[in-house]
Amino acid sequence: DALGVIAAHLGHHTAACTVASGLLAAGRLSVRDVVITLLFGNVL
């Protein structure tokens, strides 16, 4: 599920955070998953 966050991050960090917010609220990603995914997205 985190791959969509990384793909969005390649466009803009706001889009990535928006996608991550929905996945976090739905319980599909944990806080740990979101932080690590956003950091990976930041590197790419």
Full PDB file with SEQRES, HELIX, SHEET, SSBOND, CRYST1, ORIGX, SCALE, CONECT and MASTER records, all heavy atoms in Angstrom:
SEQRES   1 A   44  ASP ALA LEU GLY VAL ILE ALA ALA HIS LEU GLY HIS HIS          
SEQRES   2 A   44  THR ALA ALA CYS THR VAL ALA SER GLY LEU LEU ALA ALA          
SEQRES   3 A   44  GLY ARG LEU SER VAL ARG ASP VAL VAL ILE THR LEU LEU          
SEQRES   4 A   44  PHE GLY ASN VAL LEU                                          
HELIX    1 AA1 LEU A    3  HIS A    9  1                                   7    
HELIX    2 AA2 HIS A   13  ALA A   25  1                                  13    
HELIX    3 AA3 VAL A   31  VAL A   43  1                                  13    
CRYST1    1.000    1.000    1.000  90.00  90.00  90.00 P 1           1          
ORIGX1      1.000000  0.000000  0.000000        0.00000                         
ORIGX2      0.000000  1.000000  0.000000        0.00000                         
ORIGX3      0.000000  0.000000  1.000000        0.00000                         
SCALE1      1.000000  0.000000  0.000000        0.00000                         
SCALE2      0.000000  1.000000  0.000000        0.00000                         
SCALE3      0.000000  0.000000  1.000000        0.00000                         
ATOM      1  N   ASP A   1       0.814  -1.212   0.000  1.00  0.00           N  
ATOM      2  CA  ASP A   1       0.000   0.000   0.000  1.00  0.00           C  
ATOM      3  C   ASP A   1       0.850   1.264   0.000  1.00  0.00           C  
ATOM      4  O   ASP A   1       0.377   2.340  -0.407  1.00  0.00           O  
ATOM      5  CB  ASP A   1      -0.929   0.017   1.227  1.00  0.00           C  
ATOM      6  CG  ASP A   1      -2.051  -1.006   1.108  1.00  0.00           C  
ATOM      7  OD1 ASP A   1      -2.385  -1.369  -0.049  1.00  0.00           O  
ATOM      8  OD2 ASP A   1      -2.584  -1.431   2.137  1.00  0.00           O  
ATOM      9  N   ALA A   2       2.090   1.158   0.471  1.00  0.00           N  
ATOM     10  CA  ALA A   2       2.941   2.335   0.579  1.00  0.00           C  
ATOM     11  C   ALA A   2       3.497   2.788  -0.769  1.00  0.00           C  
ATOM     12  O   ALA A   2       3.969   3.918  -0.896  1.00  0.00           O  
ATOM     13  CB  ALA A   2       4.111   2.046   1.528  1.00  0.00           C  
ATOM     14  N   LEU A   3       3.427   1.918  -1.770  1.00  0.00           N  
ATOM     15  CA  LEU A   3       3.979   2.272  -3.074  1.00  0.00           C  
ATOM     16  C   LEU A   3       3.258   3.471  -3.686  1.00  0.00           C  
ATOM     17  O   LEU A   3       3.862   4.286  -4.384  1.00  0.00           O  
ATOM     18  CB  LEU A   3       3.919   1.071  -4.020  1.00  0.00           C  
ATOM     19  CG  LEU A   3       4.734  -0.156  -3.599  1.00  0.00           C  
ATOM     20  CD1 LEU A   3       4.599  -1.276  -4.627  1.00  0.00           C  
ATOM     21  CD2 LEU A   3       6.203   0.219  -3.417  1.00  0.00           C  
ATOM     22  N   GLY A   4       1.955   3.573  -3.427  1.00  0.00           N  
ATOM     23  CA  GLY A   4       1.204   4.722  -3.929  1.00  0.00           C  
ATOM     24  C   GLY A   4       1.674   6.021  -3.296  1.00  0.00           C  
ATOM     25  O   GLY A   4       1.681   7.075  -3.952  1.00  0.00           O  
ATOM     26  N   VAL A   5       2.090   5.967  -2.035  1.00  0.00           N  
ATOM     27  CA  VAL A   5       2.604   7.160  -1.344  1.00  0.00           C  
ATOM     28  C   VAL A   5       3.915   7.609  -1.989  1.00  0.00           C  
ATOM     29  O   VAL A   5       4.123   8.800  -2.233  1.00  0.00           O  
ATOM     30  CB  VAL A   5       2.814   6.868   0.158  1.00  0.00           C  
ATOM     31  CG1 VAL A   5       3.416   8.088   0.862  1.00  0.00           C  
ATOM     32  CG2 VAL A   5       1.502   6.462   0.809  1.00  0.00           C  
ATOM     33  N   ILE A   6       4.783   6.651  -2.269  1.00  0.00           N  
ATOM     34  CA  ILE A   6       6.070   6.985  -2.878  1.00  0.00           C  
ATOM     35  C   ILE A   6       5.872   7.551  -4.285  1.00  0.00           C  
ATOM     36  O   ILE A   6       6.513   8.530  -4.674  1.00  0.00           O  
ATOM     37  CB  ILE A   6       6.986   5.751  -2.920  1.00  0.00           C  
ATOM     38  CG1 ILE A   6       7.337   5.323  -1.494  1.00  0.00           C  
ATOM     39  CG2 ILE A   6       8.254   6.027  -3.726  1.00  0.00           C  
ATOM     40  CD1 ILE A   6       8.185   4.075  -1.406  1.00  0.00           C  
ATOM     41  N   ALA A   7       4.957   6.932  -5.035  1.00  0.00           N  
ATOM     42  CA  ALA A   7       4.677   7.428  -6.384  1.00  0.00           C  
ATOM     43  C   ALA A   7       4.153   8.861  -6.328  1.00  0.00           C  
ATOM     44  O   ALA A   7       4.537   9.706  -7.153  1.00  0.00           O  
ATOM     45  CB  ALA A   7       3.669   6.524  -7.086  1.00  0.00           C  
ATOM     46  N   ALA A   8       3.292   9.141  -5.350  1.00  0.00           N  
ATOM     47  CA  ALA A   8       2.764  10.499  -5.202  1.00  0.00           C  
ATOM     48  C   ALA A   8       3.861  11.461  -4.782  1.00  0.00           C  
ATOM     49  O   ALA A   8       3.866  12.631  -5.184  1.00  0.00           O  
ATOM     50  CB  ALA A   8       1.628  10.504  -4.173  1.00  0.00           C  
ATOM     51  N   HIS A   9       4.807  10.977  -3.975  1.00  0.00           N  
ATOM     52  CA  HIS A   9       5.896  11.841  -3.502  1.00  0.00           C  
ATOM     53  C   HIS A   9       6.778  12.304  -4.654  1.00  0.00           C  
ATOM     54  O   HIS A   9       7.364  13.390  -4.608  1.00  0.00           O  
ATOM     55  CB  HIS A   9       6.745  11.078  -2.483  1.00  0.00           C  
ATOM     56  CG  HIS A   9       7.459  11.968  -1.508  1.00  0.00           C  
ATOM     57  ND1 HIS A   9       8.235  13.038  -1.907  1.00  0.00           N  
ATOM     58  CD2 HIS A   9       7.522  11.955  -0.146  1.00  0.00           C  
ATOM     59  CE1 HIS A   9       8.733  13.639  -0.841  1.00  0.00           C  
ATOM     60  NE2 HIS A   9       8.316  13.010   0.235  1.00  0.00           N  
ATOM     61  N   LEU A  10       6.879  11.488  -5.695  1.00  0.00           N  
ATOM     62  CA  LEU A  10       7.669  11.880  -6.853  1.00  0.00           C  
ATOM     63  C   LEU A  10       7.042  13.065  -7.584  1.00  0.00           C  
ATOM     64  O   LEU A  10       7.704  13.737  -8.370  1.00  0.00           O  
ATOM     65  CB  LEU A  10       7.828  10.698  -7.808  1.00  0.00           C  
ATOM     66  CG  LEU A  10       8.656   9.534  -7.265  1.00  0.00           C  
ATOM     67  CD1 LEU A  10       8.598   8.341  -8.198  1.00  0.00           C  
ATOM     68  CD2 LEU A  10      10.098   9.954  -7.037  1.00  0.00           C  
ATOM     69  N   GLY A  11       5.758  13.289  -7.317  1.00  0.00           N  
ATOM     70  CA  GLY A  11       5.095  14.461  -7.866  1.00  0.00           C  
ATOM     71  C   GLY A  11       5.193  15.651  -6.939  1.00  0.00           C  
ATOM     72  O   GLY A  11       5.696  16.706  -7.312  1.00  0.00           O  
ATOM     73  N   HIS A  12       4.731  15.484  -5.687  1.00  0.00           N  
ATOM     74  CA  HIS A  12       4.776  16.572  -4.709  1.00  0.00           C  
ATOM     75  C   HIS A  12       4.548  15.992  -3.328  1.00  0.00           C  
ATOM     76  O   HIS A  12       3.784  15.030  -3.165  1.00  0.00           O  
ATOM     77  CB  HIS A  12       3.706  17.628  -5.014  1.00  0.00           C  
ATOM     78  CG  HIS A  12       3.941  18.938  -4.327  1.00  0.00           C  
ATOM     79  ND1 HIS A  12       3.503  19.190  -3.041  1.00  0.00           N  
ATOM     80  CD2 HIS A  12       4.575  20.058  -4.728  1.00  0.00           C  
ATOM     81  CE1 HIS A  12       3.846  20.423  -2.690  1.00  0.00           C  
ATOM     82  NE2 HIS A  12       4.500  20.968  -3.697  1.00  0.00           N  
ATOM     83  N   HIS A  13       5.201  16.582  -2.318  1.00  0.00           N  
ATOM     84  CA  HIS A  13       5.082  16.038  -0.960  1.00  0.00           C  
ATOM     85  C   HIS A  13       3.666  16.176  -0.417  1.00  0.00           C  
ATOM     86  O   HIS A  13       3.231  15.377   0.407  1.00  0.00           O  
ATOM     87  CB  HIS A  13       6.085  16.719  -0.023  1.00  0.00           C  
ATOM     88  CG  HIS A  13       5.729  18.121   0.346  1.00  0.00           C  
ATOM     89  ND1 HIS A  13       6.101  19.212  -0.423  1.00  0.00           N  
ATOM     90  CD2 HIS A  13       5.023  18.623   1.405  1.00  0.00           C  
ATOM     91  CE1 HIS A  13       5.657  20.314   0.147  1.00  0.00           C  
ATOM     92  NE2 HIS A  13       5.005  19.990   1.234  1.00  0.00           N  
ATOM     93  N   THR A  14       2.915  17.189  -0.862  1.00  0.00           N  
ATOM     94  CA  THR A  14       1.543  17.352  -0.397  1.00  0.00           C  
ATOM     95  C   THR A  14       0.682  16.188  -0.866  1.00  0.00           C  
ATOM     96  O   THR A  14      -0.146  15.655  -0.098  1.00  0.00           O  
ATOM     97  CB  THR A  14       0.951  18.672  -0.902  1.00  0.00           C  
ATOM     98  OG1 THR A  14       1.743  19.753  -0.419  1.00  0.00           O  
ATOM     99  CG2 THR A  14      -0.485  18.853  -0.406  1.00  0.00           C  
ATOM    100  N   ALA A  15       0.868  15.782  -2.117  1.00  0.00           N  
ATOM    101  CA  ALA A  15       0.122  14.639  -2.635  1.00  0.00           C  
ATOM    102  C   ALA A  15       0.470  13.373  -1.859  1.00  0.00           C  
ATOM    103  O   ALA A  15      -0.415  12.558  -1.534  1.00  0.00           O  
ATOM    104  CB  ALA A  15       0.430  14.454  -4.121  1.00  0.00           C  
ATOM    105  N   ALA A  16       1.745  13.207  -1.545  1.00  0.00           N  
ATOM    106  CA  ALA A  16       2.165  12.025  -0.788  1.00  0.00           C  
ATOM    107  C   ALA A  16       1.522  12.002   0.592  1.00  0.00           C  
ATOM    108  O   ALA A  16       1.047  10.955   1.053  1.00  0.00           O  
ATOM    109  CB  ALA A  16       3.686  12.005  -0.669  1.00  0.00           C  
ATOM    110  N   CYS A  17       1.512  13.144   1.256  1.00  0.00           N  
ATOM    111  CA  CYS A  17       0.919  13.208   2.592  1.00  0.00           C  
ATOM    112  C   CYS A  17      -0.586  12.971   2.545  1.00  0.00           C  
ATOM    113  O   CYS A  17      -1.161  12.368   3.462  1.00  0.00           O  
ATOM    114  CB  CYS A  17       1.218  14.571   3.223  1.00  0.00           C  
ATOM    115  SG  CYS A  17       2.960  14.817   3.646  1.00  0.00           S  
ATOM    116  N   THR A  18      -1.223  13.428   1.492  1.00  0.00           N  
ATOM    117  CA  THR A  18      -2.663  13.218   1.350  1.00  0.00           C  
ATOM    118  C   THR A  18      -2.979  11.740   1.177  1.00  0.00           C  
ATOM    119  O   THR A  18      -3.897  11.209   1.823  1.00  0.00           O  
ATOM    120  CB  THR A  18      -3.190  14.008   0.138  1.00  0.00           C  
ATOM    121  OG1 THR A  18      -2.897  15.396   0.315  1.00  0.00           O  
ATOM    122  CG2 THR A  18      -4.698  13.829   0.005  1.00  0.00           C  
ATOM    123  N   VAL A  19      -2.223  11.071   0.307  1.00  0.00           N  
ATOM    124  CA  VAL A  19      -2.424   9.628   0.113  1.00  0.00           C  
ATOM    125  C   VAL A  19      -2.127   8.871   1.401  1.00  0.00           C  
ATOM    126  O   VAL A  19      -2.887   7.981   1.811  1.00  0.00           O  
ATOM    127  CB  VAL A  19      -1.530   9.116  -1.028  1.00  0.00           C  
ATOM    128  CG1 VAL A  19      -1.626   7.597  -1.145  1.00  0.00           C  
ATOM    129  CG2 VAL A  19      -1.919   9.768  -2.349  1.00  0.00           C  
ATOM    130  N   ALA A  20      -1.036   9.224   2.072  1.00  0.00           N  
ATOM    131  CA  ALA A  20      -0.665   8.550   3.313  1.00  0.00           C  
ATOM    132  C   ALA A  20      -1.706   8.764   4.399  1.00  0.00           C  
ATOM    133  O   ALA A  20      -1.974   7.866   5.204  1.00  0.00           O  
ATOM    134  CB  ALA A  20       0.696   9.056   3.787  1.00  0.00           C  
ATOM    135  N   SER A  21      -2.315   9.950   4.412  1.00  0.00           N  
ATOM    136  CA  SER A  21      -3.331  10.252   5.424  1.00  0.00           C  
ATOM    137  C   SER A  21      -4.524   9.310   5.299  1.00  0.00           C  
ATOM    138  O   SER A  21      -5.028   8.787   6.305  1.00  0.00           O  
ATOM    139  CB  SER A  21      -3.787  11.707   5.277  1.00  0.00           C  
ATOM    140  OG  SER A  21      -4.839  11.994   6.166  1.00  0.00           O  
ATOM    141  N   GLY A  22      -4.960   9.086   4.049  1.00  0.00           N  
ATOM    142  CA  GLY A  22      -6.088   8.182   3.847  1.00  0.00           C  
ATOM    143  C   GLY A  22      -5.763   6.754   4.248  1.00  0.00           C  
ATOM    144  O   GLY A  22      -6.580   6.073   4.887  1.00  0.00           O  
ATOM    145  N   LEU A  23      -4.578   6.293   3.899  1.00  0.00           N  
ATOM    146  CA  LEU A  23      -4.165   4.933   4.255  1.00  0.00           C  
ATOM    147  C   LEU A  23      -3.976   4.776   5.758  1.00  0.00           C  
ATOM    148  O   LEU A  23      -4.284   3.721   6.332  1.00  0.00           O  
ATOM    149  CB  LEU A  23      -2.870   4.576   3.522  1.00  0.00           C  
ATOM    150  CG  LEU A  23      -2.974   4.486   1.990  1.00  0.00           C  
ATOM    151  CD1 LEU A  23      -1.600   4.330   1.373  1.00  0.00           C  
ATOM    152  CD2 LEU A  23      -3.882   3.319   1.597  1.00  0.00           C  
ATOM    153  N   LEU A  24      -3.486   5.832   6.398  1.00  0.00           N  
ATOM    154  CA  LEU A  24      -3.306   5.797   7.848  1.00  0.00           C  
ATOM    155  C   LEU A  24      -4.652   5.753   8.553  1.00  0.00           C  
ATOM    156  O   LEU A  24      -4.846   4.979   9.510  1.00  0.00           O  
ATOM    157  CB  LEU A  24      -2.514   7.030   8.295  1.00  0.00           C  
ATOM    158  CG  LEU A  24      -2.171   7.150   9.780  1.00  0.00           C  
ATOM    159  CD1 LEU A  24      -1.244   6.015  10.206  1.00  0.00           C  
ATOM    160  CD2 LEU A  24      -1.495   8.494  10.064  1.00  0.00           C  
ATOM    161  N   ALA A  25      -5.593   6.565   8.090  1.00  0.00           N  
ATOM    162  CA  ALA A  25      -6.929   6.598   8.702  1.00  0.00           C  
ATOM    163  C   ALA A  25      -7.660   5.272   8.507  1.00  0.00           C  
ATOM    164  O   ALA A  25      -8.434   4.844   9.383  1.00  0.00           O  
ATOM    165  CB  ALA A  25      -7.745   7.745   8.104  1.00  0.00           C  
ATOM    166  N   ALA A  26      -7.412   4.611   7.378  1.00  0.00           N  
ATOM    167  CA  ALA A  26      -8.076   3.338   7.101  1.00  0.00           C  
ATOM    168  C   ALA A  26      -7.393   2.163   7.793  1.00  0.00           C  
ATOM    169  O   ALA A  26      -7.883   1.041   7.727  1.00  0.00           O  
ATOM    170  CB  ALA A  26      -8.110   3.089   5.595  1.00  0.00           C  
ATOM    171  N   GLY A  27      -6.259   2.420   8.455  1.00  0.00           N  
ATOM    172  CA  GLY A  27      -5.547   1.362   9.152  1.00  0.00           C  
ATOM    173  C   GLY A  27      -4.715   0.478   8.250  1.00  0.00           C  
ATOM    174  O   GLY A  27      -4.224  -0.572   8.679  1.00  0.00           O  
ATOM    175  N   ARG A  28      -4.521   0.897   7.010  1.00  0.00           N  
ATOM    176  CA  ARG A  28      -3.742   0.075   6.077  1.00  0.00           C  
ATOM    177  C   ARG A  28      -2.243   0.337   6.201  1.00  0.00           C  
ATOM    178  O   ARG A  28      -1.431  -0.456   5.736  1.00  0.00           O  
ATOM    179  CB  ARG A  28      -4.219   0.341   4.649  1.00  0.00           C  
ATOM    180  CG  ARG A  28      -5.661  -0.100   4.440  1.00  0.00           C  
ATOM    181  CD  ARG A  28      -6.220   0.368   3.106  1.00  0.00           C  
ATOM    182  NE  ARG A  28      -5.503  -0.207   1.967  1.00  0.00           N  
ATOM    183  CZ  ARG A  28      -5.834   0.045   0.698  1.00  0.00           C  
ATOM    184  NH1 ARG A  28      -6.848   0.871   0.433  1.00  0.00           N  
ATOM    185  NH2 ARG A  28      -5.146  -0.507  -0.285  1.00  0.00           N  
ATOM    186  N   LEU A  29      -1.893   1.474   6.813  1.00  0.00           N  
ATOM    187  CA  LEU A  29      -0.501   1.776   7.131  1.00  0.00           C  
ATOM    188  C   LEU A  29      -0.422   2.240   8.577  1.00  0.00           C  
ATOM    189  O   LEU A  29      -1.298   2.981   9.047  1.00  0.00           O  
ATOM    190  CB  LEU A  29       0.053   2.869   6.208  1.00  0.00           C  
ATOM    191  CG  LEU A  29       0.294   2.529   4.733  1.00  0.00           C  
ATOM    192  CD1 LEU A  29       0.813   3.762   4.001  1.00  0.00           C  
ATOM    193  CD2 LEU A  29       1.248   1.358   4.567  1.00  0.00           C  
ATOM    194  N   SER A  30       0.632   1.814   9.275  1.00  0.00           N  
ATOM    195  CA  SER A  30       0.855   2.273  10.643  1.00  0.00           C  
ATOM    196  C   SER A  30       1.645   3.576  10.618  1.00  0.00           C  
ATOM    197  O   SER A  30       2.121   4.023   9.576  1.00  0.00           O  
ATOM    198  CB  SER A  30       1.631   1.214  11.426  1.00  0.00           C  
ATOM    199  OG  SER A  30       2.937   1.058  10.882  1.00  0.00           O  
ATOM    200  N   VAL A  31       1.775   4.197  11.801  1.00  0.00           N  
ATOM    201  CA  VAL A  31       2.589   5.419  11.905  1.00  0.00           C  
ATOM    202  C   VAL A  31       4.015   5.137  11.442  1.00  0.00           C  
ATOM    203  O   VAL A  31       4.615   5.920  10.713  1.00  0.00           O  
ATOM    204  CB  VAL A  31       2.569   5.945  13.357  1.00  0.00           C  
ATOM    205  CG1 VAL A  31       3.589   7.067  13.529  1.00  0.00           C  
ATOM    206  CG2 VAL A  31       1.181   6.440  13.721  1.00  0.00           C  
ATOM    207  N   ARG A  32       4.549   3.992  11.867  1.00  0.00           N  
ATOM    208  CA  ARG A  32       5.907   3.600  11.460  1.00  0.00           C  
ATOM    209  C   ARG A  32       6.003   3.478   9.941  1.00  0.00           C  
ATOM    210  O   ARG A  32       6.951   3.969   9.318  1.00  0.00           O  
ATOM    211  CB  ARG A  32       6.277   2.274  12.116  1.00  0.00           C  
ATOM    212  CG  ARG A  32       7.600   1.684  11.658  1.00  0.00           C  
ATOM    213  CD  ARG A  32       7.791   0.298  12.275  1.00  0.00           C  
ATOM    214  NE  ARG A  32       9.058  -0.322  11.872  1.00  0.00           N  
ATOM    215  CZ  ARG A  32       9.221  -1.011  10.748  1.00  0.00           C  
ATOM    216  NH1 ARG A  32       8.199  -1.140   9.901  1.00  0.00           N  
ATOM    217  NH2 ARG A  32      10.393  -1.562  10.461  1.00  0.00           N  
ATOM    218  N   ASP A  33       5.015   2.825   9.336  1.00  0.00           N  
ATOM    219  CA  ASP A  33       5.022   2.638   7.883  1.00  0.00           C  
ATOM    220  C   ASP A  33       5.002   3.977   7.156  1.00  0.00           C  
ATOM    221  O   ASP A  33       5.710   4.163   6.164  1.00  0.00           O  
ATOM    222  CB  ASP A  33       3.819   1.799   7.446  1.00  0.00           C  
ATOM    223  CG  ASP A  33       3.893   0.365   7.933  1.00  0.00           C  
ATOM    224  OD1 ASP A  33       5.015  -0.115   8.160  1.00  0.00           O  
ATOM    225  OD2 ASP A  33       2.824  -0.253   8.095  1.00  0.00           O  
ATOM    226  N   VAL A  34       4.183   4.891   7.653  1.00  0.00           N  
ATOM    227  CA  VAL A  34       4.054   6.194   6.995  1.00  0.00           C  
ATOM    228  C   VAL A  34       5.366   6.965   7.047  1.00  0.00           C  
ATOM    229  O   VAL A  34       5.817   7.523   6.041  1.00  0.00           O  
ATOM    230  CB  VAL A  34       2.918   7.016   7.649  1.00  0.00           C  
ATOM    231  CG1 VAL A  34       2.969   8.475   7.182  1.00  0.00           C  
ATOM    232  CG2 VAL A  34       1.568   6.406   7.316  1.00  0.00           C  
ATOM    233  N   VAL A  35       5.984   6.992   8.223  1.00  0.00           N  
ATOM    234  CA  VAL A  35       7.234   7.748   8.377  1.00  0.00           C  
ATOM    235  C   VAL A  35       8.324   7.174   7.475  1.00  0.00           C  
ATOM    236  O   VAL A  35       8.994   7.905   6.733  1.00  0.00           O  
ATOM    237  CB  VAL A  35       7.695   7.736   9.849  1.00  0.00           C  
ATOM    238  CG1 VAL A  35       9.083   8.367   9.977  1.00  0.00           C  
ATOM    239  CG2 VAL A  35       6.693   8.489  10.721  1.00  0.00           C  
ATOM    240  N   ILE A  36       8.504   5.863   7.508  1.00  0.00           N  
ATOM    241  CA  ILE A  36       9.556   5.230   6.704  1.00  0.00           C  
ATOM    242  C   ILE A  36       9.264   5.385   5.213  1.00  0.00           C  
ATOM    243  O   ILE A  36      10.167   5.656   4.414  1.00  0.00           O  
ATOM    244  CB  ILE A  36       9.690   3.748   7.086  1.00  0.00           C  
ATOM    245  CG1 ILE A  36      10.263   3.631   8.507  1.00  0.00           C  
ATOM    246  CG2 ILE A  36      10.570   2.991   6.090  1.00  0.00           C  
ATOM    247  CD1 ILE A  36      10.333   2.220   9.047  1.00  0.00           C  
ATOM    248  N   THR A  37       7.999   5.249   4.834  1.00  0.00           N  
ATOM    249  CA  THR A  37       7.633   5.394   3.422  1.00  0.00           C  
ATOM    250  C   THR A  37       7.905   6.804   2.921  1.00  0.00           C  
ATOM    251  O   THR A  37       8.441   6.998   1.820  1.00  0.00           O  
ATOM    252  CB  THR A  37       6.151   5.049   3.223  1.00  0.00           C  
ATOM    253  OG1 THR A  37       5.929   3.687   3.594  1.00  0.00           O  
ATOM    254  CG2 THR A  37       5.734   5.247   1.774  1.00  0.00           C  
ATOM    255  N   LEU A  38       7.544   7.807   3.697  1.00  0.00           N  
ATOM    256  CA  LEU A  38       7.776   9.193   3.291  1.00  0.00           C  
ATOM    257  C   LEU A  38       9.270   9.490   3.185  1.00  0.00           C  
ATOM    258  O   LEU A  38       9.699  10.244   2.302  1.00  0.00           O  
ATOM    259  CB  LEU A  38       7.108  10.148   4.273  1.00  0.00           C  
ATOM    260  CG  LEU A  38       5.587  10.223   4.197  1.00  0.00           C  
ATOM    261  CD1 LEU A  38       5.042  11.113   5.312  1.00  0.00           C  
ATOM    262  CD2 LEU A  38       5.112  10.734   2.844  1.00  0.00           C  
ATOM    263  N   LEU A  39      10.054   8.891   4.074  1.00  0.00           N  
ATOM    264  CA  LEU A  39      11.503   9.101   4.003  1.00  0.00           C  
ATOM    265  C   LEU A  39      12.090   8.449   2.742  1.00  0.00           C  
ATOM    266  O   LEU A  39      12.953   9.028   2.076  1.00  0.00           O  
ATOM    267  CB  LEU A  39      12.179   8.547   5.259  1.00  0.00           C  
ATOM    268  CG  LEU A  39      11.922   9.334   6.549  1.00  0.00           C  
ATOM    269  CD1 LEU A  39      12.505   8.597   7.750  1.00  0.00           C  
ATOM    270  CD2 LEU A  39      12.515  10.731   6.455  1.00  0.00           C  
ATOM    271  N   PHE A  40      11.612   7.244   2.417  1.00  0.00           N  
ATOM    272  CA  PHE A  40      12.047   6.612   1.167  1.00  0.00           C  
ATOM    273  C   PHE A  40      11.627   7.474  -0.030  1.00  0.00           C  
ATOM    274  O   PHE A  40      12.397   7.665  -0.980  1.00  0.00           O  
ATOM    275  CB  PHE A  40      11.437   5.213   1.026  1.00  0.00           C  
ATOM    276  CG  PHE A  40      12.281   4.117   1.617  1.00  0.00           C  
ATOM    277  CD1 PHE A  40      11.755   3.240   2.551  1.00  0.00           C  
ATOM    278  CD2 PHE A  40      13.601   3.946   1.224  1.00  0.00           C  
ATOM    279  CE1 PHE A  40      12.523   2.212   3.100  1.00  0.00           C  
ATOM    280  CE2 PHE A  40      14.383   2.917   1.763  1.00  0.00           C  
ATOM    281  CZ  PHE A  40      13.842   2.063   2.697  1.00  0.00           C  
ATOM    282  N   GLY A  41      10.408   7.980   0.022  1.00  0.00           N  
ATOM    283  CA  GLY A  41       9.942   8.847  -1.051  1.00  0.00           C  
ATOM    284  C   GLY A  41      10.782  10.099  -1.170  1.00  0.00           C  
ATOM    285  O   GLY A  41      11.045  10.585  -2.281  1.00  0.00           O  
ATOM    286  N   ASN A  42      11.217  10.616  -0.028  1.00  0.00           N  
ATOM    287  CA  ASN A  42      12.059  11.811  -0.033  1.00  0.00           C  
ATOM    288  C   ASN A  42      13.397  11.537  -0.727  1.00  0.00           C  
ATOM    289  O   ASN A  42      13.912  12.391  -1.467  1.00  0.00           O  
ATOM    290  CB  ASN A  42      12.294  12.266   1.407  1.00  0.00           C  
ATOM    291  CG  ASN A  42      12.741  13.708   1.496  1.00  0.00           C  
ATOM    292  OD1 ASN A  42      12.047  14.611   1.057  1.00  0.00           O  
ATOM    293  ND2 ASN A  42      13.901  13.932   2.063  1.00  0.00           N  
ATOM    294  N   VAL A  43      13.955  10.344  -0.500  1.00  0.00           N  
ATOM    295  CA  VAL A  43      15.226   9.991  -1.135  1.00  0.00           C  
ATOM    296  C   VAL A  43      15.057   9.853  -2.645  1.00  0.00           C  
ATOM    297  O   VAL A  43      15.845  10.401  -3.433  1.00  0.00           O  
ATOM    298  CB  VAL A  43      15.786   8.685  -0.542  1.00  0.00           C  
ATOM    299  CG1 VAL A  43      16.992   8.205  -1.340  1.00  0.00           C  
ATOM    300  CG2 VAL A  43      16.177   8.894   0.914  1.00  0.00           C  
ATOM    301  N   LEU A  44      14.025   9.137  -3.079  1.00  0.00           N  
ATOM    302  CA  LEU A  44      13.809   8.966  -4.510  1.00  0.00           C  
ATOM    303  C   LEU A  44      13.469  10.286  -5.193  1.00  0.00           C  
ATOM    304  O   LEU A  44      13.958  10.579  -6.295  1.00  0.00           O  
ATOM    305  CB  LEU A  44      12.681   7.957  -4.756  1.00  0.00           C  
ATOM    306  CG  LEU A  44      12.995   6.496  -4.434  1.00  0.00           C  
ATOM    307  CD1 LEU A  44      11.785   5.617  -4.704  1.00  0.00           C  
ATOM    308  CD2 LEU A  44      14.175   6.002  -5.263  1.00  0.00           C  
TER     309      LEU A  44                                                      
MASTER        0    0    0    3    0    0    0    6  308    1    0    4          
END                                                                             
